[in-house]
Amino acid sequence: MKRVKLVVAYDGTAYHGWQVQPNGRTIEGELNRALSELLQEEIQVIGASRTDSGVHALCNIAVFDTQTRIPAEKISYALNQRLPEDIRIKKSCEVAADFHPRHCSSRKTYEYRIYQDSFPEPVRRLYAHFTYVPLDMDRMREGAAWLIGEHDFKSFCSTAAVVETTVRMILSINIEKQGKEIVISVCGTGFLYNMVRIIAGTLMEVGRGSYPPERVREILEAKDRQAAGPTAPACGLTLVNYIFASENQE
């Protein structure tokens, strides 16, 4: 028996998120199906980040145990032949038998993209949230600064989440302009359900002048989801980087 790690990229548009659902296609479900067919054994992957419906990823991580004699580094090539075109394995390799992607120190980075123009751009509609309202990036950066560090992010967590603690660590938030897109890049050691999308929705409210940047501090202190801004649409969110603290697992 060996444990294999996969680096998975996907367009989440057509899927009901990562985690297997009773009614709907999911990334995890497609991986389980394709791996079970390929290896001729029942496979159930363990994912690092359970992305929501419609969210994309360049580098989500999954592991699974197998008795196959196929070299771990070759599994990616064979698996890609059995997966839909909107899911691809970028790398496969063998890892330690006790390696668990959700139980080890890591940092991950999400990008939220906002397309700002007079009219929507059809080819970007699946990968960026459109707004015609001008957004003040300096105000957004000032508001985002209150979120850096370790805080109780209960105000930035979906009320549907079931977690032991809502305390999380945000390492950095960068906001920059790329053409007609504003990109909010959030790096942290862990995230709550809908956390990045609520942060994005809140910072957009700050950017359009609905409330001042210092209101973000008040939202944090409130520890109440009702205090924060709306949950930004899933299409603008992509997991872009995932790094483990252990060098041999990066």
C-alpha atoms as a PDB file:
ATOM      1  CA  MET A   1       0.000   0.000   0.000  1.00  0.00           C
ATOM      2  CA  LYS A   2       1.269   3.484  -0.856  1.00  0.00           C
ATOM      3  CA  ARG A   3      -0.098   7.005  -0.553  1.00  0.00           C
ATOM      4  CA  VAL A   4      -0.150   9.198  -3.655  1.00  0.00           C
ATOM      5  CA  LYS A   5      -0.518  12.969  -3.762  1.00  0.00           C
ATOM      6  CA  LEU A   6      -2.233  14.716  -6.672  1.00  0.00           C
ATOM      7  CA  VAL A   7      -2.036  18.387  -7.654  1.00  0.00           C
ATOM      8  CA  VAL A   8      -5.434  19.088  -9.198  1.00  0.00           C
ATOM      9  CA  ALA A   9      -6.485  21.998 -11.423  1.00  0.00           C
ATOM     10  CA  TYR A  10     -10.090  22.532 -12.445  1.00  0.00           C
ATOM     11  CA  ASP A  11     -12.695  24.891 -13.810  1.00  0.00           C
ATOM     12  CA  GLY A  12     -15.409  24.655 -11.172  1.00  0.00           C
ATOM     13  CA  THR A  13     -18.217  26.118 -13.290  1.00  0.00           C
ATOM     14  CA  ALA A  14     -19.996  22.827 -14.003  1.00  0.00           C
ATOM     15  CA  TYR A  15     -19.505  21.294 -10.554  1.00  0.00           C
ATOM     16  CA  HIS A  16     -21.255  21.405  -7.188  1.00  0.00           C
ATOM     17  CA  GLY A  17     -17.965  22.083  -5.431  1.00  0.00           C
ATOM     18  CA  TRP A  18     -15.204  19.707  -4.389  1.00  0.00           C
ATOM     19  CA  GLN A  19     -16.935  17.430  -1.910  1.00  0.00           C
ATOM     20  CA  VAL A  20     -19.149  14.541  -3.015  1.00  0.00           C
ATOM     21  CA  GLN A  21     -22.829  15.532  -3.040  1.00  0.00           C
ATOM     22  CA  PRO A  22     -25.872  13.234  -3.284  1.00  0.00           C
ATOM     23  CA  ASN A  23     -27.314  15.157  -6.248  1.00  0.00           C
ATOM     24  CA  GLY A  24     -24.732  16.723  -8.505  1.00  0.00           C
ATOM     25  CA  ARG A  25     -21.305  16.315 -10.082  1.00  0.00           C
ATOM     26  CA  THR A  26     -18.305  17.210  -7.937  1.00  0.00           C
ATOM     27  CA  ILE A  27     -14.540  17.294  -8.391  1.00  0.00           C
ATOM     28  CA  GLU A  28     -14.037  14.664  -5.695  1.00  0.00           C
ATOM     29  CA  GLY A  29     -16.641  12.420  -7.304  1.00  0.00           C
ATOM     30  CA  GLU A  30     -14.950  12.607 -10.706  1.00  0.00           C
ATOM     31  CA  LEU A  31     -11.551  11.826  -9.193  1.00  0.00           C
ATOM     32  CA  ASN A  32     -12.927   8.835  -7.265  1.00  0.00           C
ATOM     33  CA  ARG A  33     -14.610   7.483 -10.383  1.00  0.00           C
ATOM     34  CA  ALA A  34     -11.608   7.895 -12.680  1.00  0.00           C
ATOM     35  CA  LEU A  35      -9.104   6.510 -10.163  1.00  0.00           C
ATOM     36  CA  SER A  36     -11.268   3.492  -9.342  1.00  0.00           C
ATOM     37  CA  GLU A  37     -11.564   2.696 -13.057  1.00  0.00           C
ATOM     38  CA  LEU A  38      -7.848   3.175 -13.673  1.00  0.00           C
ATOM     39  CA  LEU A  39      -6.543   1.222 -10.677  1.00  0.00           C
ATOM     40  CA  GLN A  40      -9.299  -1.394 -10.530  1.00  0.00           C
ATOM     41  CA  GLU A  41      -9.863  -0.837  -6.811  1.00  0.00           C
ATOM     42  CA  GLU A  42     -12.187   1.325  -4.763  1.00  0.00           C
ATOM     43  CA  ILE A  43     -10.544   4.737  -4.330  1.00  0.00           C
ATOM     44  CA  GLN A  44     -11.691   7.667  -2.224  1.00  0.00           C
ATOM     45  CA  VAL A  45      -9.492  10.731  -2.276  1.00  0.00           C
ATOM     46  CA  ILE A  46      -8.888  13.105   0.621  1.00  0.00           C
ATOM     47  CA  GLY A  47      -8.920  16.737  -0.492  1.00  0.00           C
ATOM     48  CA  ALA A  48      -7.000  19.609   1.060  1.00  0.00           C
ATOM     49  CA  SER A  49      -9.434  22.404   0.246  1.00  0.00           C
ATOM     50  CA  ARG A  50     -13.169  21.791  -0.134  1.00  0.00           C
ATOM     51  CA  THR A  51     -13.886  24.530  -2.639  1.00  0.00           C
ATOM     52  CA  ASP A  52     -17.485  25.666  -3.115  1.00  0.00           C
ATOM     53  CA  SER A  53     -19.747  25.236  -6.114  1.00  0.00           C
ATOM     54  CA  GLY A  54     -18.428  27.286  -9.046  1.00  0.00           C
ATOM     55  CA  VAL A  55     -15.009  27.986  -7.489  1.00  0.00           C
ATOM     56  CA  HIS A  56     -11.884  27.223  -9.535  1.00  0.00           C
ATOM     57  CA  ALA A  57      -8.434  25.906  -8.608  1.00  0.00           C
ATOM     58  CA  LEU A  58      -4.977  25.779 -10.149  1.00  0.00           C
ATOM     59  CA  CYS A  59      -3.426  23.610  -7.460  1.00  0.00           C
ATOM     60  CA  ASN A  60      -5.780  21.882  -5.058  1.00  0.00           C
ATOM     61  CA  ILE A  61      -4.259  18.858  -3.309  1.00  0.00           C
ATOM     62  CA  ALA A  62      -5.669  15.348  -2.912  1.00  0.00           C
ATOM     63  CA  VAL A  63      -4.217  12.104  -1.581  1.00  0.00           C
ATOM     64  CA  PHE A  64      -5.315   8.485  -1.806  1.00  0.00           C
ATOM     65  CA  ASP A  65      -4.056   5.031  -0.849  1.00  0.00           C
ATOM     66  CA  THR A  66      -3.538   2.329  -3.452  1.00  0.00           C
ATOM     67  CA  GLN A  67      -2.004  -1.089  -4.006  1.00  0.00           C
ATOM     68  CA  THR A  68      -1.197  -0.391  -7.652  1.00  0.00           C
ATOM     69  CA  ARG A  69       2.237  -1.099  -9.091  1.00  0.00           C
ATOM     70  CA  ILE A  70       1.943   1.879 -11.419  1.00  0.00           C
ATOM     71  CA  PRO A  71       4.677   4.388 -10.486  1.00  0.00           C
ATOM     72  CA  ALA A  72       3.107   7.306  -8.639  1.00  0.00           C
ATOM     73  CA  GLU A  73       4.538   9.878 -11.034  1.00  0.00           C
ATOM     74  CA  LYS A  74       2.901   8.115 -13.995  1.00  0.00           C
ATOM     75  CA  ILE A  75      -0.605   8.108 -12.539  1.00  0.00           C
ATOM     76  CA  SER A  76      -1.227  11.729 -13.564  1.00  0.00           C
ATOM     77  CA  TYR A  77      -0.795  10.907 -17.263  1.00  0.00           C
ATOM     78  CA  ALA A  78      -3.119   7.914 -17.192  1.00  0.00           C
ATOM     79  CA  LEU A  79      -5.682   9.681 -15.001  1.00  0.00           C
ATOM     80  CA  ASN A  80      -5.933  12.705 -17.292  1.00  0.00           C
ATOM     81  CA  GLN A  81      -7.081  10.370 -20.086  1.00  0.00           C
ATOM     82  CA  ARG A  82     -10.114   9.454 -17.972  1.00  0.00           C
ATOM     83  CA  LEU A  83     -11.083  12.852 -16.574  1.00  0.00           C
ATOM     84  CA  PRO A  84     -13.289  15.541 -18.146  1.00  0.00           C
ATOM     85  CA  GLU A  85     -11.434  18.328 -19.928  1.00  0.00           C
ATOM     86  CA  ASP A  86     -12.206  20.790 -17.140  1.00  0.00           C
ATOM     87  CA  ILE A  87     -10.245  18.728 -14.580  1.00  0.00           C
ATOM     88  CA  ARG A  88      -6.538  18.025 -14.942  1.00  0.00           C
ATOM     89  CA  ILE A  89      -3.872  16.434 -12.742  1.00  0.00           C
ATOM     90  CA  LYS A  90      -0.754  18.614 -12.919  1.00  0.00           C
ATOM     91  CA  LYS A  91       1.426  16.286 -10.849  1.00  0.00           C
ATOM     92  CA  SER A  92       1.321  12.979  -8.987  1.00  0.00           C
ATOM     93  CA  CYS A  93       3.922  11.652  -6.561  1.00  0.00           C
ATOM     94  CA  GLU A  94       4.289   9.255  -3.652  1.00  0.00           C
ATOM     95  CA  VAL A  95       4.239  10.733  -0.146  1.00  0.00           C
ATOM     96  CA  ALA A  96       4.644   9.385   3.379  1.00  0.00           C
ATOM     97  CA  ALA A  97       1.893   7.030   4.518  1.00  0.00           C
ATOM     98  CA  ASP A  98       0.847   9.419   7.294  1.00  0.00           C
ATOM     99  CA  PHE A  99       0.749  12.568   5.135  1.00  0.00           C
ATOM    100  CA  HIS A 100      -2.663  14.232   5.393  1.00  0.00           C
ATOM    101  CA  PRO A 101      -3.151  17.517   3.498  1.00  0.00           C
ATOM    102  CA  ARG A 102      -5.563  18.948   6.084  1.00  0.00           C
ATOM    103  CA  HIS A 103      -3.515  17.967   9.139  1.00  0.00           C
ATOM    104  CA  CYS A 104      -0.173  19.603   8.413  1.00  0.00           C
ATOM    105  CA  SER A 105       1.084  23.179   8.372  1.00  0.00           C
ATOM    106  CA  SER A 106       0.468  24.941   5.079  1.00  0.00           C
ATOM    107  CA  ARG A 107      -0.409  28.237   3.529  1.00  0.00           C
ATOM    108  CA  LYS A 108      -2.701  28.788   0.592  1.00  0.00           C
ATOM    109  CA  THR A 109      -3.538  31.740  -1.594  1.00  0.00           C
ATOM    110  CA  TYR A 110      -6.861  32.580  -3.184  1.00  0.00           C
ATOM    111  CA  GLU A 111      -7.438  35.229  -5.823  1.00  0.00           C
ATOM    112  CA  TYR A 112     -10.757  36.993  -6.256  1.00  0.00           C
ATOM    113  CA  ARG A 113     -11.109  38.746  -9.611  1.00  0.00           C
ATOM    114  CA  ILE A 114     -13.444  41.682 -10.267  1.00  0.00           C
ATOM    115  CA  TYR A 115     -13.992  42.795 -13.862  1.00  0.00           C
ATOM    116  CA  GLN A 116     -14.745  46.518 -13.883  1.00  0.00           C
ATOM    117  CA  ASP A 117     -16.144  48.150 -17.039  1.00  0.00           C
ATOM    118  CA  SER A 118     -19.263  49.734 -18.479  1.00  0.00           C
ATOM    119  CA  PHE A 119     -20.522  46.380 -19.762  1.00  0.00           C
ATOM    120  CA  PRO A 120     -19.761  42.715 -18.983  1.00  0.00           C
ATOM    121  CA  GLU A 121     -17.192  40.795 -21.026  1.00  0.00           C
ATOM    122  CA  PRO A 122     -18.767  37.448 -22.026  1.00  0.00           C
ATOM    123  CA  VAL A 123     -15.478  35.513 -22.159  1.00  0.00           C
ATOM    124  CA  ARG A 124     -14.651  36.531 -18.573  1.00  0.00           C
ATOM    125  CA  ARG A 125     -18.069  35.888 -17.057  1.00  0.00           C
ATOM    126  CA  LEU A 126     -17.070  32.481 -15.628  1.00  0.00           C
ATOM    127  CA  TYR A 127     -13.822  33.650 -14.030  1.00  0.00           C
ATOM    128  CA  ALA A 128     -14.457  37.159 -12.710  1.00  0.00           C
ATOM    129  CA  HIS A 129     -17.285  39.024 -10.997  1.00  0.00           C
ATOM    130  CA  PHE A 130     -18.507  41.954 -13.093  1.00  0.00           C
ATOM    131  CA  THR A 131     -19.295  45.407 -11.738  1.00  0.00           C
ATOM    132  CA  TYR A 132     -19.819  48.734 -13.476  1.00  0.00           C
ATOM    133  CA  VAL A 133     -19.521  50.594 -10.151  1.00  0.00           C
ATOM    134  CA  PRO A 134     -16.127  52.327  -9.676  1.00  0.00           C
ATOM    135  CA  LEU A 135     -14.094  50.846  -6.809  1.00  0.00           C
ATOM    136  CA  ASP A 136     -11.511  52.856  -4.859  1.00  0.00           C
ATOM    137  CA  MET A 137      -8.567  50.485  -4.433  1.00  0.00           C
ATOM    138  CA  ASP A 138      -6.858  52.648  -1.817  1.00  0.00           C
ATOM    139  CA  ARG A 139      -9.945  52.444   0.391  1.00  0.00           C
ATOM    140  CA  MET A 140     -10.084  48.684  -0.181  1.00  0.00           C
ATOM    141  CA  ARG A 141      -6.419  48.287   0.814  1.00  0.00           C
ATOM    142  CA  GLU A 142      -6.981  50.381   3.946  1.00  0.00           C
ATOM    143  CA  GLY A 143      -9.916  48.210   4.926  1.00  0.00           C
ATOM    144  CA  ALA A 144      -8.062  44.974   4.152  1.00  0.00           C
ATOM    145  CA  ALA A 145      -5.213  45.954   6.503  1.00  0.00           C
ATOM    146  CA  TRP A 146      -7.488  45.337   9.500  1.00  0.00           C
ATOM    147  CA  LEU A 147      -7.781  41.668   8.495  1.00  0.00           C
ATOM    148  CA  ILE A 148      -4.069  40.835   8.544  1.00  0.00           C
ATOM    149  CA  GLY A 149      -2.975  38.591  11.418  1.00  0.00           C
ATOM    150  CA  GLU A 150      -4.783  36.155  13.682  1.00  0.00           C
ATOM    151  CA  HIS A 151      -8.391  37.091  14.390  1.00  0.00           C
ATOM    152  CA  ASP A 152     -11.766  35.600  15.126  1.00  0.00           C
ATOM    153  CA  PHE A 153     -13.316  35.699  11.641  1.00  0.00           C
ATOM    154  CA  LYS A 154     -16.819  34.697  12.729  1.00  0.00           C
ATOM    155  CA  SER A 155     -18.231  37.731  10.893  1.00  0.00           C
ATOM    156  CA  PHE A 156     -16.609  36.407   7.695  1.00  0.00           C
ATOM    157  CA  CYS A 157     -17.923  32.850   7.972  1.00  0.00           C
ATOM    158  CA  SER A 158     -21.125  31.398   6.539  1.00  0.00           C
ATOM    159  CA  THR A 159     -23.709  30.664   9.209  1.00  0.00           C
ATOM    160  CA  ALA A 160     -23.984  27.155   7.726  1.00  0.00           C
ATOM    161  CA  ALA A 161     -20.417  26.277   8.735  1.00  0.00           C
ATOM    162  CA  VAL A 162     -19.809  23.790  11.544  1.00  0.00           C
ATOM    163  CA  VAL A 163     -16.320  24.377  12.990  1.00  0.00           C
ATOM    164  CA  GLU A 164     -14.590  24.081  16.357  1.00  0.00           C
ATOM    165  CA  THR A 165     -13.174  27.604  16.137  1.00  0.00           C
ATOM    166  CA  THR A 166     -13.553  30.591  13.834  1.00  0.00           C
ATOM    167  CA  VAL A 167     -10.057  31.908  14.626  1.00  0.00           C
ATOM    168  CA  ARG A 168      -7.843  31.984  11.536  1.00  0.00           C
ATOM    169  CA  MET A 169      -4.537  33.547  10.432  1.00  0.00           C
ATOM    170  CA  ILE A 170      -4.336  35.827   7.389  1.00  0.00           C
ATOM    171  CA  LEU A 171      -0.737  36.371   6.279  1.00  0.00           C
ATOM    172  CA  SER A 172      -1.330  38.950   3.557  1.00  0.00           C
ATOM    173  CA  ILE A 173      -3.955  40.625   1.392  1.00  0.00           C
ATOM    174  CA  ASN A 174      -2.810  42.302  -1.813  1.00  0.00           C
ATOM    175  CA  ILE A 175      -5.095  44.305  -4.087  1.00  0.00           C
ATOM    176  CA  GLU A 176      -3.859  45.257  -7.545  1.00  0.00           C
ATOM    177  CA  LYS A 177      -5.151  46.275 -10.960  1.00  0.00           C
ATOM    178  CA  GLN A 178      -4.555  43.978 -13.941  1.00  0.00           C
ATOM    179  CA  GLY A 179      -6.005  45.650 -17.004  1.00  0.00           C
ATOM    180  CA  LYS A 180      -9.725  46.030 -16.314  1.00  0.00           C
ATOM    181  CA  GLU A 181      -9.616  43.537 -13.454  1.00  0.00           C
ATOM    182  CA  ILE A 182      -9.078  44.212  -9.769  1.00  0.00           C
ATOM    183  CA  VAL A 183      -7.429  41.184  -8.140  1.00  0.00           C
ATOM    184  CA  ILE A 184      -7.771  40.577  -4.397  1.00  0.00           C
ATOM    185  CA  SER A 185      -5.101  38.053  -3.346  1.00  0.00           C
ATOM    186  CA  VAL A 186      -5.588  36.543   0.125  1.00  0.00           C
ATOM    187  CA  CYS A 187      -2.910  34.292   1.685  1.00  0.00           C
ATOM    188  CA  GLY A 188      -3.531  32.446   4.938  1.00  0.00           C
ATOM    189  CA  THR A 189      -2.922  29.253   6.881  1.00  0.00           C
ATOM    190  CA  GLY A 190      -6.585  28.250   6.753  1.00  0.00           C
ATOM    191  CA  PHE A 191      -9.994  29.572   5.756  1.00  0.00           C
ATOM    192  CA  LEU A 192     -13.585  29.268   6.915  1.00  0.00           C
ATOM    193  CA  TYR A 193     -16.568  28.395   4.722  1.00  0.00           C
ATOM    194  CA  ASN A 194     -17.135  31.312   2.278  1.00  0.00           C
ATOM    195  CA  MET A 195     -14.506  33.383   4.129  1.00  0.00           C
ATOM    196  CA  VAL A 196     -12.640  34.753   1.105  1.00  0.00           C
ATOM    197  CA  ARG A 197     -15.859  35.506  -0.776  1.00  0.00           C
ATOM    198  CA  ILE A 198     -17.241  37.413   2.232  1.00  0.00           C
ATOM    199  CA  ILE A 199     -13.960  39.322   2.537  1.00  0.00           C
ATOM    200  CA  ALA A 200     -14.189  40.198  -1.165  1.00  0.00           C
ATOM    201  CA  GLY A 201     -17.825  41.259  -0.852  1.00  0.00           C
ATOM    202  CA  THR A 202     -17.019  43.414   2.178  1.00  0.00           C
ATOM    203  CA  LEU A 203     -14.015  45.084   0.526  1.00  0.00           C
ATOM    204  CA  MET A 204     -16.115  45.862  -2.543  1.00  0.00           C
ATOM    205  CA  GLU A 205     -18.594  47.643  -0.269  1.00  0.00           C
ATOM    206  CA  VAL A 206     -15.700  49.676   1.132  1.00  0.00           C
ATOM    207  CA  GLY A 207     -14.404  50.378  -2.378  1.00  0.00           C
ATOM    208  CA  ARG A 208     -17.737  51.697  -3.611  1.00  0.00           C
ATOM    209  CA  GLY A 209     -18.058  53.954  -0.548  1.00  0.00           C
ATOM    210  CA  SER A 210     -20.905  52.173   1.217  1.00  0.00           C
ATOM    211  CA  TYR A 211     -18.944  52.436   4.463  1.00  0.00           C
ATOM    212  CA  PRO A 212     -15.500  53.655   5.564  1.00  0.00           C
ATOM    213  CA  PRO A 213     -12.401  51.410   5.665  1.00  0.00           C
ATOM    214  CA  GLU A 214     -12.314  51.401   9.480  1.00  0.00           C
ATOM    215  CA  ARG A 215     -15.705  49.713   9.461  1.00  0.00           C
ATOM    216  CA  VAL A 216     -13.825  46.463   8.685  1.00  0.00           C
ATOM    217  CA  ARG A 217     -12.361  46.550  12.204  1.00  0.00           C
ATOM    218  CA  GLU A 218     -15.852  46.968  13.645  1.00  0.00           C
ATOM    219  CA  ILE A 219     -17.085  44.039  11.555  1.00  0.00           C
ATOM    220  CA  LEU A 220     -14.305  41.831  12.929  1.00  0.00           C
ATOM    221  CA  GLU A 221     -15.100  42.827  16.503  1.00  0.00           C
ATOM    222  CA  ALA A 222     -18.831  42.212  16.016  1.00  0.00           C
ATOM    223  CA  LYS A 223     -18.319  38.454  15.439  1.00  0.00           C
ATOM    224  CA  ASP A 224     -21.629  38.469  13.555  1.00  0.00           C
ATOM    225  CA  ARG A 225     -22.128  37.458   9.933  1.00  0.00           C
ATOM    226  CA  GLN A 226     -24.879  40.068   9.610  1.00  0.00           C
ATOM    227  CA  ALA A 227     -22.322  42.816  10.190  1.00  0.00           C
ATOM    228  CA  ALA A 228     -20.198  42.001   7.117  1.00  0.00           C
ATOM    229  CA  GLY A 229     -20.840  42.619   3.438  1.00  0.00           C
ATOM    230  CA  PRO A 230     -22.449  40.186   0.972  1.00  0.00           C
ATOM    231  CA  THR A 231     -20.871  36.917  -0.138  1.00  0.00           C
ATOM    232  CA  ALA A 232     -19.273  37.665  -3.510  1.00  0.00           C
ATOM    233  CA  PRO A 233     -20.245  35.301  -6.379  1.00  0.00           C
ATOM    234  CA  ALA A 234     -18.233  32.072  -6.661  1.00  0.00           C
ATOM    235  CA  CYS A 235     -17.119  32.613 -10.273  1.00  0.00           C
ATOM    236  CA  GLY A 236     -14.463  35.176  -9.313  1.00  0.00           C
ATOM    237  CA  LEU A 237     -12.621  32.903  -6.878  1.00  0.00           C
ATOM    238  CA  THR A 238      -9.637  30.674  -7.693  1.00  0.00           C
ATOM    239  CA  LEU A 239      -7.248  28.746  -5.450  1.00  0.00           C
ATOM    240  CA  VAL A 240      -3.902  29.712  -6.990  1.00  0.00           C
ATOM    241  CA  ASN A 241      -1.201  28.491  -4.594  1.00  0.00           C
ATOM    242  CA  TYR A 242      -0.809  25.784  -1.931  1.00  0.00           C
ATOM    243  CA  ILE A 243       2.455  25.350  -0.042  1.00  0.00           C
ATOM    244  CA  PHE A 244       3.239  22.898   2.773  1.00  0.00           C
ATOM    245  CA  ALA A 245       5.679  23.813   5.529  1.00  0.00           C
ATOM    246  CA  SER A 246       7.572  20.532   5.118  1.00  0.00           C
ATOM    247  CA  GLU A 247      10.007  20.909   2.224  1.00  0.00           C
ATOM    248  CA  ASN A 248       9.630  17.338   1.035  1.00  0.00           C
ATOM    249  CA  GLN A 249       5.870  17.794   0.613  1.00  0.00           C
ATOM    250  CA  GLU A 250       5.861  21.031  -1.378  1.00  0.00           C
END
